[in-house]
């Protein structure tokens, strides 16, 4: 890029479904009747005997977790480095900052991504639930 990417711009890029470009996923056959930018698994389909593979956007319903690393060298290390974390689909998720100097994990984030017991105390499941409401 000709200029530095802002944090906001990186977040926007992670939410992208290519709207307004020739790859706009809301205008192709996979968008179905409601012009959806989402592509459900599997990523292939058949139409009139022809097999097709759908494009995969940056933001996808299959995302489990995503990160943006921010390094602010003018600040001391413990607060200068931030890992912005989002759970589930990046187009609908909030970003939560985790500072480099953290010594404890906040409640709800310490349970692990692959704790397969649903709990509203687990940040991952809360994010997934909110995203499911957003889809419906």
N, C-alpha and C. Protein backbone atom coordinates (compact mmCIF):
# COMPACT_ATOMS: atom_id res chain seq x y z
N UNK A 1 0.82 -1.20 0.00
CA UNK A 1 0.00 0.00 0.00
C UNK A 1 0.87 1.27 0.00
N UNK A 2 0.30 2.32 -0.50
CA UNK A 2 1.01 3.60 -0.55
C UNK A 2 1.08 4.25 0.82
N UNK A 3 0.15 3.90 1.69
CA UNK A 3 0.13 4.44 3.04
C UNK A 3 0.03 3.29 4.03
N UNK A 4 0.34 3.58 5.28
CA UNK A 4 0.21 2.56 6.32
C UNK A 4 -1.26 2.19 6.50
N UNK A 5 -1.49 0.94 6.81
CA UNK A 5 -2.86 0.49 7.09
C UNK A 5 -3.21 0.85 8.52
N UNK A 6 -4.36 1.47 8.69
CA UNK A 6 -4.83 1.76 10.04
C UNK A 6 -5.43 0.50 10.64
N UNK A 7 -5.56 0.49 11.93
CA UNK A 7 -6.19 -0.64 12.61
C UNK A 7 -7.62 -0.82 12.11
N UNK A 8 -8.33 0.27 11.95
CA UNK A 8 -9.71 0.22 11.45
C UNK A 8 -9.76 -0.42 10.06
N UNK A 9 -8.82 -0.08 9.19
CA UNK A 9 -8.80 -0.63 7.83
C UNK A 9 -8.53 -2.14 7.85
N UNK A 10 -7.65 -2.59 8.72
CA UNK A 10 -7.38 -4.04 8.82
C UNK A 10 -8.64 -4.76 9.30
N UNK A 11 -9.35 -4.18 10.26
CA UNK A 11 -10.61 -4.78 10.71
C UNK A 11 -11.61 -4.84 9.55
N UNK A 12 -11.69 -3.76 8.76
CA UNK A 12 -12.60 -3.74 7.61
C UNK A 12 -12.23 -4.82 6.60
N UNK A 13 -10.95 -5.00 6.35
CA UNK A 13 -10.51 -6.03 5.41
C UNK A 13 -10.91 -7.42 5.88
N UNK A 14 -10.84 -7.67 7.18
CA UNK A 14 -11.24 -8.98 7.70
C UNK A 14 -12.74 -9.21 7.58
N UNK A 15 -13.51 -8.15 7.45
CA UNK A 15 -14.97 -8.28 7.33
C UNK A 15 -15.43 -8.39 5.87
N UNK A 16 -14.52 -8.34 4.94
CA UNK A 16 -14.83 -8.19 3.52
C UNK A 16 -15.43 -9.44 2.89
N UNK A 17 -16.47 -9.22 2.09
CA UNK A 17 -17.05 -10.24 1.22
C UNK A 17 -16.91 -9.82 -0.24
N UNK A 18 -16.02 -8.90 -0.52
CA UNK A 18 -15.75 -8.37 -1.87
C UNK A 18 -16.91 -7.55 -2.44
N UNK A 19 -17.78 -7.01 -1.59
CA UNK A 19 -18.90 -6.22 -2.07
C UNK A 19 -18.38 -5.06 -2.93
N UNK A 20 -19.06 -4.82 -4.06
CA UNK A 20 -18.71 -3.71 -4.93
C UNK A 20 -17.55 -3.99 -5.87
N UNK A 21 -17.04 -5.23 -5.89
CA UNK A 21 -15.96 -5.59 -6.82
C UNK A 21 -16.50 -6.63 -7.79
N UNK A 22 -15.69 -6.99 -8.77
CA UNK A 22 -16.15 -8.02 -9.71
C UNK A 22 -16.25 -9.39 -9.05
N UNK A 23 -15.69 -9.54 -7.84
CA UNK A 23 -15.83 -10.79 -7.09
C UNK A 23 -16.97 -10.73 -6.06
N UNK A 24 -17.82 -9.71 -6.16
CA UNK A 24 -18.91 -9.51 -5.21
C UNK A 24 -19.74 -10.78 -5.07
N UNK A 25 -19.71 -11.35 -3.86
CA UNK A 25 -20.37 -12.63 -3.63
C UNK A 25 -21.88 -12.50 -3.43
N UNK A 26 -22.39 -11.26 -3.36
CA UNK A 26 -23.84 -11.08 -3.22
C UNK A 26 -24.54 -11.09 -4.57
N UNK A 27 -23.77 -11.18 -5.67
CA UNK A 27 -24.39 -11.11 -7.00
C UNK A 27 -24.21 -12.38 -7.82
N UNK A 28 -23.51 -13.39 -7.28
CA UNK A 28 -23.33 -14.61 -8.07
C UNK A 28 -24.37 -15.67 -7.71
N UNK A 29 -24.31 -16.81 -8.37
CA UNK A 29 -25.31 -17.85 -8.17
C UNK A 29 -25.33 -18.38 -6.73
N UNK A 30 -24.19 -18.33 -6.05
CA UNK A 30 -24.13 -18.81 -4.67
C UNK A 30 -24.85 -17.90 -3.68
N UNK A 31 -25.20 -16.69 -4.11
CA UNK A 31 -25.89 -15.74 -3.23
C UNK A 31 -27.34 -16.13 -2.97
N UNK A 32 -27.85 -17.00 -3.81
CA UNK A 32 -29.21 -17.48 -3.71
C UNK A 32 -30.20 -16.33 -3.80
N UNK A 33 -31.43 -16.54 -3.39
CA UNK A 33 -32.50 -15.55 -3.59
C UNK A 33 -32.33 -14.30 -2.73
N UNK A 34 -31.58 -14.40 -1.63
CA UNK A 34 -31.48 -13.27 -0.70
C UNK A 34 -30.19 -12.48 -0.83
N UNK A 35 -29.41 -12.75 -1.88
CA UNK A 35 -28.15 -12.03 -2.14
C UNK A 35 -27.20 -12.12 -0.96
N UNK A 36 -27.04 -13.31 -0.41
CA UNK A 36 -26.18 -13.53 0.75
C UNK A 36 -24.71 -13.58 0.35
N UNK A 37 -23.83 -12.98 1.16
CA UNK A 37 -22.40 -13.11 0.90
C UNK A 37 -21.82 -14.37 1.52
N UNK A 38 -22.64 -15.16 2.21
CA UNK A 38 -22.15 -16.34 2.92
C UNK A 38 -22.19 -17.56 2.03
N UNK A 39 -21.23 -18.45 2.23
CA UNK A 39 -21.20 -19.71 1.52
C UNK A 39 -21.12 -20.82 2.56
N UNK A 40 -22.15 -21.65 2.59
CA UNK A 40 -22.22 -22.72 3.57
C UNK A 40 -21.42 -23.91 3.06
N UNK A 41 -20.97 -24.73 3.98
CA UNK A 41 -20.25 -25.94 3.60
C UNK A 41 -21.22 -26.95 3.03
N UNK A 42 -20.86 -27.75 2.08
CA UNK A 42 -19.55 -27.77 1.43
C UNK A 42 -19.42 -26.61 0.46
N UNK A 43 -18.21 -26.31 0.06
CA UNK A 43 -17.94 -25.18 -0.83
C UNK A 43 -18.07 -25.52 -2.29
N UNK A 44 -18.81 -26.56 -2.59
CA UNK A 44 -19.03 -26.97 -3.98
C UNK A 44 -20.52 -27.20 -4.20
N UNK A 45 -20.93 -27.14 -5.46
CA UNK A 45 -22.31 -27.46 -5.79
C UNK A 45 -22.38 -27.92 -7.24
N UNK A 46 -23.49 -28.51 -7.58
CA UNK A 46 -23.71 -28.98 -8.95
C UNK A 46 -24.93 -28.29 -9.51
N UNK A 47 -24.85 -27.89 -10.77
CA UNK A 47 -25.97 -27.24 -11.44
C UNK A 47 -25.97 -27.68 -12.90
N UNK A 48 -27.08 -28.22 -13.36
CA UNK A 48 -27.20 -28.71 -14.73
C UNK A 48 -26.05 -29.64 -15.12
N UNK A 49 -25.67 -30.52 -14.21
CA UNK A 49 -24.63 -31.50 -14.49
C UNK A 49 -23.21 -30.96 -14.42
N UNK A 50 -23.04 -29.69 -14.14
CA UNK A 50 -21.70 -29.09 -14.02
C UNK A 50 -21.36 -28.92 -12.54
N UNK A 51 -20.10 -29.19 -12.19
CA UNK A 51 -19.64 -29.03 -10.81
C UNK A 51 -18.95 -27.69 -10.66
N UNK A 52 -19.25 -26.99 -9.56
CA UNK A 52 -18.69 -25.67 -9.31
C UNK A 52 -18.09 -25.62 -7.91
N UNK A 53 -17.07 -24.78 -7.76
CA UNK A 53 -16.48 -24.48 -6.46
C UNK A 53 -16.70 -23.01 -6.18
N UNK A 54 -17.19 -22.71 -4.99
CA UNK A 54 -17.47 -21.32 -4.65
C UNK A 54 -16.21 -20.59 -4.20
N UNK A 55 -16.18 -19.29 -4.44
CA UNK A 55 -15.10 -18.45 -3.94
C UNK A 55 -15.15 -18.43 -2.42
N UNK A 56 -14.02 -18.19 -1.82
CA UNK A 56 -13.96 -18.07 -0.37
C UNK A 56 -13.53 -16.65 -0.01
N UNK A 57 -14.39 -15.89 0.66
CA UNK A 57 -14.01 -14.54 1.02
C UNK A 57 -13.05 -14.52 2.21
N UNK A 58 -12.54 -13.36 2.51
CA UNK A 58 -11.70 -13.21 3.69
C UNK A 58 -12.53 -13.53 4.93
N UNK A 59 -13.72 -12.96 4.97
CA UNK A 59 -14.63 -13.24 6.08
C UNK A 59 -15.51 -14.42 5.71
N UNK A 60 -15.54 -15.41 6.55
CA UNK A 60 -16.30 -16.61 6.24
C UNK A 60 -16.99 -17.15 7.49
N UNK A 61 -18.08 -17.84 7.26
CA UNK A 61 -18.83 -18.43 8.37
C UNK A 61 -18.06 -19.56 9.04
N UNK A 62 -17.01 -20.05 8.39
CA UNK A 62 -16.24 -21.15 8.96
C UNK A 62 -15.08 -20.67 9.85
N UNK A 63 -14.94 -19.37 10.01
CA UNK A 63 -13.86 -18.84 10.85
C UNK A 63 -14.13 -19.21 12.31
N UNK A 64 -13.11 -19.69 12.99
CA UNK A 64 -13.24 -20.02 14.40
C UNK A 64 -12.72 -18.87 15.26
N UNK A 65 -11.54 -18.38 14.92
CA UNK A 65 -10.95 -17.27 15.66
C UNK A 65 -10.04 -16.51 14.70
N UNK A 66 -9.93 -15.20 14.88
CA UNK A 66 -9.01 -14.42 14.06
C UNK A 66 -8.29 -13.41 14.95
N UNK A 67 -7.14 -12.97 14.45
CA UNK A 67 -6.30 -12.06 15.23
C UNK A 67 -5.79 -10.92 14.36
N UNK A 68 -5.61 -9.78 14.98
CA UNK A 68 -4.88 -8.67 14.38
C UNK A 68 -3.86 -8.25 15.43
N UNK A 69 -2.59 -8.21 15.05
CA UNK A 69 -1.53 -7.82 15.97
C UNK A 69 -1.20 -6.35 15.75
N UNK A 70 -1.22 -5.60 16.81
CA UNK A 70 -0.89 -4.17 16.75
C UNK A 70 0.35 -3.92 17.60
N UNK A 71 1.35 -3.32 16.98
CA UNK A 71 2.59 -3.02 17.70
C UNK A 71 2.79 -1.51 17.70
N UNK A 72 2.80 -0.95 18.90
CA UNK A 72 2.96 0.50 19.05
C UNK A 72 4.29 0.75 19.75
N UNK A 73 5.34 0.91 18.95
CA UNK A 73 6.70 1.00 19.46
C UNK A 73 6.98 2.22 20.32
N UNK A 74 6.15 3.21 20.27
CA UNK A 74 6.36 4.41 21.08
C UNK A 74 5.89 4.25 22.52
N UNK A 75 5.25 3.10 22.80
CA UNK A 75 4.77 2.82 24.15
C UNK A 75 5.59 1.68 24.77
N UNK A 76 5.60 1.59 26.10
CA UNK A 76 6.29 0.46 26.74
C UNK A 76 5.69 -0.87 26.29
N UNK A 77 6.54 -1.90 26.21
CA UNK A 77 6.13 -3.22 25.73
C UNK A 77 4.84 -3.77 26.31
N UNK A 78 4.64 -3.70 27.64
CA UNK A 78 3.43 -4.31 28.20
C UNK A 78 2.12 -3.71 27.69
N UNK A 79 2.15 -2.44 27.25
CA UNK A 79 0.92 -1.84 26.71
C UNK A 79 1.05 -1.52 25.23
N UNK A 80 2.26 -1.62 24.68
CA UNK A 80 2.47 -1.29 23.28
C UNK A 80 2.02 -2.37 22.32
N UNK A 81 2.09 -3.61 22.76
CA UNK A 81 1.66 -4.72 21.92
C UNK A 81 0.25 -5.16 22.28
N UNK A 82 -0.58 -5.28 21.27
CA UNK A 82 -1.97 -5.71 21.49
C UNK A 82 -2.30 -6.81 20.49
N UNK A 83 -2.94 -7.86 20.97
CA UNK A 83 -3.51 -8.88 20.09
C UNK A 83 -5.02 -8.67 20.12
N UNK A 84 -5.56 -8.19 19.01
CA UNK A 84 -7.01 -8.01 18.88
C UNK A 84 -7.59 -9.35 18.45
N UNK A 85 -8.48 -9.89 19.25
CA UNK A 85 -9.02 -11.24 19.02
C UNK A 85 -10.51 -11.15 18.73
N UNK A 86 -10.95 -11.93 17.75
CA UNK A 86 -12.39 -12.05 17.50
C UNK A 86 -12.73 -13.51 17.32
N UNK A 87 -13.89 -13.88 17.78
CA UNK A 87 -14.35 -15.26 17.70
C UNK A 87 -15.43 -15.36 16.63
N UNK A 88 -15.46 -16.48 15.97
CA UNK A 88 -16.47 -16.80 14.97
C UNK A 88 -16.30 -15.92 13.74
N UNK A 89 -17.33 -15.74 12.96
CA UNK A 89 -17.29 -15.03 11.68
C UNK A 89 -16.76 -13.61 11.86
N UNK A 90 -15.70 -13.28 11.14
CA UNK A 90 -15.06 -11.97 11.31
C UNK A 90 -15.93 -10.81 10.85
N UNK A 91 -16.95 -11.06 10.04
CA UNK A 91 -17.79 -9.95 9.58
C UNK A 91 -18.73 -9.46 10.67
N UNK A 92 -19.00 -10.28 11.66
CA UNK A 92 -19.96 -9.91 12.70
C UNK A 92 -19.36 -9.82 14.10
N UNK A 93 -18.12 -10.22 14.26
CA UNK A 93 -17.54 -10.30 15.60
C UNK A 93 -16.94 -8.98 16.07
N UNK A 94 -17.00 -8.79 17.36
CA UNK A 94 -16.30 -7.67 17.97
C UNK A 94 -14.84 -8.06 18.17
N UNK A 95 -13.97 -7.06 18.23
CA UNK A 95 -12.56 -7.31 18.49
C UNK A 95 -12.28 -6.98 19.95
N UNK A 96 -11.60 -7.86 20.62
CA UNK A 96 -11.29 -7.68 22.04
C UNK A 96 -9.78 -7.56 22.18
N UNK A 97 -9.29 -6.49 22.85
CA UNK A 97 -7.84 -6.32 22.98
C UNK A 97 -7.25 -7.14 24.12
N UNK A 98 -6.13 -7.80 23.83
CA UNK A 98 -5.34 -8.48 24.85
C UNK A 98 -3.95 -7.85 24.80
N UNK A 99 -3.58 -7.17 25.88
CA UNK A 99 -2.31 -6.46 25.92
C UNK A 99 -1.15 -7.41 26.19
N UNK A 100 0.01 -7.09 25.62
CA UNK A 100 1.19 -7.93 25.74
C UNK A 100 1.59 -8.18 27.19
N UNK A 101 1.34 -7.22 28.06
CA UNK A 101 1.75 -7.35 29.45
C UNK A 101 0.75 -8.05 30.36
N UNK A 102 -0.31 -8.61 29.79
CA UNK A 102 -1.30 -9.29 30.63
C UNK A 102 -0.67 -10.48 31.32
N UNK A 103 -0.99 -10.66 32.57
CA UNK A 103 -0.47 -11.81 33.31
C UNK A 103 -1.56 -12.82 33.63
N UNK A 104 -2.81 -12.43 33.40
CA UNK A 104 -3.94 -13.34 33.62
C UNK A 104 -4.91 -13.21 32.46
N UNK A 105 -5.57 -14.27 32.19
CA UNK A 105 -6.59 -14.30 31.14
C UNK A 105 -7.93 -13.87 31.75
N UNK A 106 -8.67 -12.96 31.11
CA UNK A 106 -9.97 -12.55 31.64
C UNK A 106 -10.95 -13.72 31.72
N UNK A 107 -11.81 -13.68 32.71
CA UNK A 107 -12.83 -14.72 32.88
C UNK A 107 -13.63 -14.84 31.58
N UNK A 108 -13.91 -16.03 31.19
CA UNK A 108 -14.68 -16.29 29.97
C UNK A 108 -13.79 -16.56 28.78
N UNK A 109 -12.56 -16.09 28.84
CA UNK A 109 -11.62 -16.30 27.74
C UNK A 109 -10.62 -17.41 28.06
N UNK A 110 -10.62 -17.89 29.27
CA UNK A 110 -9.62 -18.88 29.71
C UNK A 110 -10.08 -20.31 29.53
N UNK A 111 -11.28 -20.52 29.09
CA UNK A 111 -11.85 -21.86 29.05
C UNK A 111 -11.37 -22.67 27.86
N UNK A 112 -10.77 -22.03 26.91
CA UNK A 112 -10.25 -22.75 25.75
C UNK A 112 -11.26 -22.81 24.64
N UNK A 113 -10.75 -22.72 23.43
CA UNK A 113 -11.59 -22.72 22.24
C UNK A 113 -12.27 -24.05 22.04
N UNK A 114 -11.60 -25.10 22.41
CA UNK A 114 -12.12 -26.42 22.11
C UNK A 114 -12.67 -27.13 23.33
N UNK A 115 -13.23 -26.34 24.24
CA UNK A 115 -13.99 -26.88 25.35
C UNK A 115 -15.39 -27.10 24.77
N UNK A 116 -15.76 -28.32 24.52
CA UNK A 116 -16.97 -28.61 23.76
C UNK A 116 -18.24 -28.67 24.60
N UNK A 117 -18.19 -28.12 25.80
CA UNK A 117 -19.38 -28.04 26.63
C UNK A 117 -19.91 -26.62 26.56
N UNK A 118 -21.11 -26.45 26.00
CA UNK A 118 -21.68 -25.11 25.85
C UNK A 118 -21.84 -24.46 27.21
N UNK A 119 -21.43 -23.20 27.28
CA UNK A 119 -21.60 -22.42 28.50
C UNK A 119 -21.65 -20.94 28.13
N UNK A 120 -22.58 -20.22 28.71
CA UNK A 120 -22.64 -18.77 28.49
C UNK A 120 -21.52 -18.05 29.23
N UNK A 121 -20.74 -18.77 30.01
CA UNK A 121 -19.54 -18.20 30.64
C UNK A 121 -18.33 -18.26 29.71
N UNK A 122 -18.44 -19.01 28.61
CA UNK A 122 -17.34 -19.17 27.67
C UNK A 122 -17.49 -18.14 26.54
N UNK A 123 -16.53 -17.24 26.39
CA UNK A 123 -16.60 -16.16 25.39
C UNK A 123 -16.81 -16.70 23.98
N UNK A 124 -16.19 -17.82 23.67
CA UNK A 124 -16.34 -18.39 22.33
C UNK A 124 -17.80 -18.71 22.03
N UNK A 125 -18.47 -19.37 22.96
CA UNK A 125 -19.87 -19.74 22.72
C UNK A 125 -20.79 -18.52 22.70
N UNK A 126 -20.50 -17.51 23.48
CA UNK A 126 -21.30 -16.29 23.46
C UNK A 126 -21.16 -15.61 22.09
N UNK A 127 -19.94 -15.53 21.58
CA UNK A 127 -19.74 -14.93 20.25
C UNK A 127 -20.47 -15.74 19.17
N UNK A 128 -20.39 -17.06 19.24
CA UNK A 128 -21.08 -17.90 18.26
C UNK A 128 -22.59 -17.70 18.33
N UNK A 129 -23.12 -17.60 19.52
CA UNK A 129 -24.56 -17.41 19.69
C UNK A 129 -25.01 -16.07 19.10
N UNK A 130 -24.27 -15.02 19.37
CA UNK A 130 -24.61 -13.70 18.84
C UNK A 130 -24.55 -13.71 17.31
N UNK A 131 -23.53 -14.36 16.75
CA UNK A 131 -23.41 -14.45 15.30
C UNK A 131 -24.59 -15.20 14.69
N UNK A 132 -25.02 -16.29 15.35
CA UNK A 132 -26.17 -17.03 14.84
C UNK A 132 -27.42 -16.16 14.83
N UNK A 133 -27.59 -15.32 15.85
CA UNK A 133 -28.73 -14.38 15.85
C UNK A 133 -28.61 -13.40 14.69
N UNK A 134 -27.39 -12.96 14.40
CA UNK A 134 -27.17 -12.01 13.31
C UNK A 134 -27.51 -12.64 11.95
N UNK A 135 -27.27 -13.94 11.79
CA UNK A 135 -27.58 -14.61 10.53
C UNK A 135 -29.08 -14.76 10.32
N UNK A 136 -29.84 -14.82 11.41
CA UNK A 136 -31.27 -15.13 11.26
C UNK A 136 -32.15 -13.92 11.19
